[in-house]
Protein backbone atom coordinates (compact mmCIF):
# COMPACT_ATOMS: atom_id res chain seq x y z
CA ARG A 1 0.00 0.00 0.00
CA ARG A 2 2.89 2.32 0.77
CA GLN A 3 4.25 1.62 -2.70
CA GLU A 4 0.87 2.33 -4.25
CA GLY A 5 0.64 5.58 -2.18
CA CYS A 6 4.08 6.67 -3.29
CA GLY A 7 3.22 5.91 -6.92
CA ALA A 8 0.05 7.98 -6.74
CA GLU A 9 1.91 10.91 -5.16
CA PHE A 10 4.59 10.67 -7.87
CA ARG A 11 1.96 10.75 -10.61
CA ARG A 12 0.29 13.80 -9.04
CA THR A 13 3.67 15.60 -8.82
CA LEU A 14 4.43 14.70 -12.44
CA VAL A 15 1.07 16.11 -13.57
CA ARG A 16 1.68 19.35 -11.68
CA THR A 17 5.13 19.65 -13.22
CA GLN A 18 3.74 19.09 -16.71
CA ASN A 19 1.11 21.78 -16.10
CA VAL A 20 3.78 24.29 -15.02
CA VAL A 21 5.91 23.49 -18.06
CA MET A 22 2.95 23.88 -20.42
CA TRP A 23 2.08 27.25 -18.80
CA LEU A 24 5.65 28.49 -19.23
CA VAL A 25 5.71 27.34 -22.84
CA SER A 26 2.38 29.01 -23.68
CA THR A 27 3.34 32.25 -21.90
CA GLY A 28 6.65 32.35 -23.71
CA ALA A 29 4.91 31.83 -27.04
CA LEU A 30 2.56 34.73 -26.36
CA PHE A 31 5.46 36.97 -25.37
CA LEU A 32 7.48 36.03 -28.43
CA GLY A 33 4.41 36.59 -30.60
CA ALA A 34 3.93 40.06 -29.14
CA CYS A 35 7.60 40.88 -29.66
CA SER A 36 7.37 39.75 -33.27
CA HIS A 37 4.66 42.44 -33.92
CA TYR A 38 6.21 45.37 -31.93
CA THR A 39 8.34 47.85 -33.85
CA THR A 40 10.93 49.85 -31.94
CA PRO A 41 10.62 53.66 -32.30
CA GLY A 42 13.99 54.10 -34.01
CA GLY A 43 16.85 56.55 -33.58
CA PRO A 44 17.00 60.36 -33.42
CA ALA A 45 16.64 62.63 -36.45
CA ASN A 46 19.82 63.54 -38.25
CA PHE A 47 19.76 67.33 -38.29
CA ARG A 48 22.63 67.44 -40.75
CA ALA A 49 20.60 65.35 -43.18
CA LEU A 50 17.74 67.82 -42.73
CA GLY A 51 20.02 70.66 -43.71
CA ILE A 52 19.95 72.32 -40.29
CA THR A 53 23.60 73.29 -40.19
CA ASP A 54 25.16 76.69 -40.74
CA SER A 55 26.68 75.72 -44.07
CA ASP A 56 23.48 74.10 -45.35
CA VAL A 57 21.36 77.04 -44.23
CA ARG A 58 23.64 79.46 -46.07
CA ALA A 59 23.61 77.27 -49.18
CA ASN A 60 19.83 76.83 -49.22
CA THR A 61 18.73 80.36 -48.28
CA ASP A 62 17.45 82.48 -51.14
CA ALA A 63 19.86 85.23 -52.05
CA THR A 64 17.34 88.02 -51.45
CA ILE A 65 16.37 86.62 -48.04
CA ALA A 66 20.01 86.08 -47.10
CA GLU A 67 20.72 89.70 -47.99
CA LYS A 68 17.91 90.94 -45.74
CA MET A 69 18.90 88.65 -42.86
CA ALA A 70 22.52 89.78 -43.10
CA LYS A 71 21.68 93.47 -42.60
CA LYS A 72 22.99 95.04 -39.42
CA PRO A 73 21.85 98.25 -37.69
CA LEU A 74 24.03 101.20 -38.67
CA ALA A 75 22.25 104.17 -37.07
CA THR A 76 24.04 106.35 -34.57
CA PHE A 77 22.54 107.74 -31.37
CA PRO A 78 21.14 110.27 -30.59
CA ALA A 79 19.26 109.56 -33.81
CA SER A 80 17.74 111.90 -36.33
CA ILE A 81 14.56 110.34 -37.72
CA ALA A 82 12.89 111.32 -40.98
CA THR A 83 9.15 110.72 -41.27
CA VAL A 84 7.03 110.21 -44.37
CA ARG A 85 3.47 109.15 -45.07
CA VAL A 86 2.90 107.04 -48.18
CA GLN A 87 -0.31 105.88 -49.85
CA GLY A 88 -1.15 103.90 -52.97
CA ARG A 89 -0.79 105.17 -56.52
CA GLY A 90 -3.22 107.97 -57.34
CA TYR A 91 -4.33 108.53 -53.73
CA ARG A 92 -6.65 111.50 -53.33
CA SER A 93 -8.95 112.43 -50.47
CA HIS A 94 -11.33 115.34 -50.12
CA SER A 95 -8.63 117.39 -48.37
CA VAL A 96 -5.23 116.17 -49.68
CA ASP A 97 -3.65 114.81 -52.86
CA GLY A 98 -0.77 112.38 -53.16
CA TYR A 99 2.53 113.60 -54.61
CA GLY A 100 4.64 111.58 -57.04
CA GLN A 101 4.24 109.39 -60.11
CA GLY A 102 5.60 106.04 -58.92
CA ASP A 103 3.90 102.99 -57.42
CA PHE A 104 3.39 105.00 -54.23
CA THR A 105 2.39 108.57 -53.58
CA VAL A 106 3.65 110.70 -50.72
CA ILE A 107 1.41 112.87 -48.55
CA THR A 108 3.38 115.98 -47.66
CA VAL A 109 0.47 117.79 -45.95
CA ARG A 110 -0.17 117.06 -42.27
CA ASP A 111 -3.74 115.90 -42.58
CA VAL A 112 -4.30 114.15 -39.23
CA GLU A 113 -0.93 114.55 -37.50
CA THR A 114 -0.41 117.26 -34.88
CA GLN A 115 2.56 119.29 -33.68
CA GLU A 116 1.92 118.05 -30.15
CA GLN A 117 2.46 114.45 -31.26
CA LEU A 118 5.74 115.41 -32.92
CA GLU A 119 6.90 117.12 -29.73
CA ARG A 120 6.00 114.02 -27.71
CA LEU A 121 8.26 111.93 -29.92
CA GLU A 122 11.14 114.40 -29.80
CA ARG A 123 11.13 114.20 -25.99
CA LEU A 124 12.01 110.50 -26.11
CA PRO A 125 15.55 109.56 -25.00
CA MET A 126 18.34 109.46 -27.62
CA ILE A 127 16.30 111.24 -30.32
CA ARG A 128 17.92 114.34 -31.75
CA GLU A 129 15.04 115.41 -34.01
CA PHE A 130 12.17 114.34 -36.25
CA VAL A 131 12.31 115.64 -39.82
CA PRO A 132 9.19 115.34 -42.02
CA LEU A 133 10.18 114.77 -45.66
CA ASN A 134 8.81 117.32 -48.14
CA ARG A 135 8.90 117.91 -51.87
CA MET A 136 12.29 119.61 -51.68
CA VAL A 137 14.00 116.29 -50.92
CA LEU A 138 11.58 113.94 -52.74
CA THR A 139 13.13 114.42 -56.14
CA GLY A 140 11.79 111.39 -58.01
CA PRO A 141 9.08 108.71 -58.18
CA VAL A 142 8.71 106.24 -55.32
CA TYR A 143 8.86 102.57 -56.29
CA THR A 144 10.55 101.04 -53.23
CA GLU A 145 11.58 102.02 -49.74
CA LYS A 146 15.07 102.68 -51.14
CA ASN A 147 13.73 105.78 -52.91
CA LEU A 148 12.45 107.04 -49.56
CA ARG A 149 15.74 106.22 -47.83
CA GLU A 150 17.54 108.28 -50.46
CA ALA A 151 15.30 111.23 -49.58
CA ALA A 152 16.00 110.66 -45.87
CA ALA A 153 19.73 110.68 -46.64
CA ASN A 154 19.31 114.14 -48.16
CA VAL A 155 18.42 115.46 -44.70
CA HIS A 156 21.09 113.28 -43.01
CA ALA A 157 18.56 111.25 -41.03
CA ASP A 158 19.84 108.09 -39.33
CA MET A 159 16.44 106.38 -39.48
CA LEU A 160 13.26 106.63 -41.51
CA ALA A 161 9.73 106.17 -40.13
CA ILE A 162 7.32 105.23 -42.92
CA TYR A 163 3.60 105.14 -42.18
CA THR A 164 0.34 104.72 -44.07
CA PHE A 165 -3.43 104.52 -43.49
CA ASP A 166 -5.88 101.88 -44.69
CA THR A 167 -9.32 103.45 -44.26
CA LYS A 168 -12.60 101.79 -45.15
CA PHE A 169 -16.20 103.06 -45.14
CA GLY A 170 -19.34 101.06 -44.46
CA ARG A 171 -22.86 101.24 -43.09
CA SER A 172 -25.20 99.04 -41.09
CA THR A 173 -28.85 99.15 -39.97
CA THR A 174 -29.22 100.05 -36.30
CA ILE A 175 -32.93 99.22 -35.82
CA PRO A 176 -34.66 97.26 -38.62
CA TYR A 177 -37.80 98.87 -40.10
CA LEU A 178 -37.41 101.96 -37.91
CA GLY A 179 -36.99 104.11 -41.00
CA ILE A 180 -40.20 102.69 -42.49
CA ILE A 181 -42.22 103.18 -39.30
CA THR A 182 -41.09 106.80 -38.96
CA LEU A 183 -41.44 107.41 -42.70
CA GLY A 184 -37.72 108.13 -42.88
CA LEU A 185 -37.82 110.91 -40.30
CA PHE A 186 -35.60 108.97 -37.88
CA PRO A 187 -32.28 107.66 -39.28
CA ASN A 188 -31.96 103.92 -38.82
CA GLU A 189 -28.59 103.40 -40.51
CA GLN A 190 -25.18 103.87 -38.99
CA ALA A 191 -22.12 104.86 -41.00
CA THR A 192 -18.79 103.34 -39.97
CA VAL A 193 -15.25 104.46 -40.72
CA THR A 194 -12.44 102.07 -39.80
CA SER A 195 -8.82 103.14 -40.19
CA THR A 196 -5.66 101.10 -39.61
CA ALA A 197 -2.39 102.99 -39.32
CA SER A 198 0.76 100.97 -40.02
CA ALA A 199 4.37 102.07 -39.64
CA ALA A 200 7.90 100.73 -39.98
CA LEU A 201 11.11 102.19 -38.54
CA ILE A 202 14.07 101.39 -40.79
CA ASP A 203 17.75 102.24 -41.07
CA THR A 204 18.42 104.93 -43.67
CA ARG A 205 21.72 103.39 -44.74
CA ASN A 206 20.70 99.80 -45.47
CA GLY A 207 16.97 99.36 -44.72
CA TYR A 208 17.44 97.35 -41.52
CA VAL A 209 14.05 97.15 -39.77
CA TYR A 210 14.11 98.27 -36.12
CA GLY A 211 10.39 97.83 -35.49
CA VAL A 212 6.89 97.71 -36.97
CA TYR A 213 3.72 99.19 -35.49
CA GLU A 214 -0.02 99.04 -36.17
CA ALA A 215 -3.14 100.56 -34.64
CA THR A 216 -6.81 100.55 -35.62
CA ALA A 217 -9.57 103.02 -34.78
CA ARG A 218 -13.27 103.02 -35.60
CA LYS A 219 -15.76 105.86 -35.69
CA ASP A 220 -19.54 105.41 -35.95
CA ARG A 221 -22.07 108.05 -36.93
CA LEU A 222 -25.70 108.10 -37.97
CA THR A 223 -25.97 108.46 -41.72
CA ASN A 224 -27.86 111.75 -41.45
CA ALA A 225 -24.61 113.19 -40.07
CA TRP A 226 -23.05 112.48 -43.49
CA SER A 227 -24.93 115.28 -45.16
CA SER A 228 -21.98 116.47 -47.26
CA GLU A 229 -18.56 115.45 -48.55
CA ASP A 230 -17.00 117.62 -45.86
CA ALA A 231 -18.83 115.66 -43.17
CA ILE A 232 -17.71 112.33 -44.63
CA ASP A 233 -14.10 113.51 -44.86
CA ALA A 234 -14.28 114.80 -41.28
CA ALA A 235 -15.30 111.29 -40.15
CA ARG A 236 -12.35 109.87 -42.11
CA ARG A 237 -9.94 112.30 -40.46
CA ASP A 238 -11.33 111.52 -37.00
CA ALA A 239 -10.71 107.79 -37.45
CA GLU A 240 -7.24 108.30 -38.92
CA ALA A 241 -6.29 110.81 -36.22
CA GLN A 242 -7.22 108.33 -33.49
CA ALA A 243 -5.34 105.51 -35.21
CA PHE A 244 -2.26 107.71 -35.64
CA ASP A 245 -2.33 108.81 -32.00
CA ASP A 246 -2.44 105.16 -30.93
CA LEU A 247 0.47 104.53 -33.29
CA VAL A 248 2.47 107.31 -31.65
CA THR A 249 1.77 105.75 -28.24
CA GLN A 250 3.07 102.40 -29.49
CA PHE A 251 6.23 104.07 -30.73
CA GLU A 252 6.72 105.79 -27.38
CA GLN A 253 6.43 102.46 -25.60
CA GLY A 254 8.71 100.59 -28.00
CA TRP A 255 11.49 103.16 -28.50
CA PRO A 256 13.26 102.56 -25.14
CA ARG A 257 13.66 98.89 -26.08
CA ILE A 258 15.27 99.92 -29.39
CA VAL A 259 17.68 102.24 -27.58
CA ALA A 260 18.50 99.55 -25.01
CA GLN A 261 19.26 97.04 -27.77
CA TYR A 262 21.03 99.22 -30.34
CA GLY A 263 22.06 102.37 -28.51
CA PRO A 264 25.07 103.08 -26.29
CA PRO A 265 25.27 101.31 -22.92
CA GLY A 266 23.30 103.06 -20.18
CA ALA A 267 21.39 105.28 -22.61
CA VAL A 268 18.09 104.10 -21.13
CA ALA A 269 17.57 103.54 -17.43
CA PRO A 270 16.32 100.06 -16.40
CA GLY A 271 12.51 99.92 -16.61
CA GLU A 272 12.22 103.18 -18.57
């Protein structure tokens, strides 16, 4: 009986061992099967193959872009800054006409700018003077900013501030059917003038861009206020004057950073 008991125990142990072995074999097969379907992420990107090296960048950069990127600031401080307003070819408003026969016309009349704004700018640190360009120094047509820089060089300005206005007119109905109900006695349409003033500050010598600025203003009026061309032009000037004043404020805020970056050490106090 002891022999039979030992034989039974041996058979039970053998069965358990076989079960363990079969479990290990099946688990290993599943693991190997999973590994056979998993793809490793791979190595890092080769930046040199992408062309992100100094030599490759120089070789692949367009010549015109490379020329612009290679420009360095050449202005001296305190700086003399020439200013000029440009508009599109054939620009003409109710109060001013553009001057010049090129792709751009120059506005030499101060239409919306004020003397007070000019004085605000001249009080900024490291500015010697602002010089508006006039017809005496604008001797030819304007096709590119280089033509304007040549005019700025005539007055020995270190920098040139170029600005322009994009002004649009529109109208909208304030209260539908109000004009019908009141038989047209009460105006139910609102006229809108939106003006965006844009400016760029560039180096007179090589066209290096020190900064760009943009401001938008909107003026709304009831259409019965637009009873004449003078009234419409007054609304245009109001919108452009507000946009230009906001542009001047942006310049005032940004100029100390330009002086700190390009001017002599200590020209601007920290936080100014």
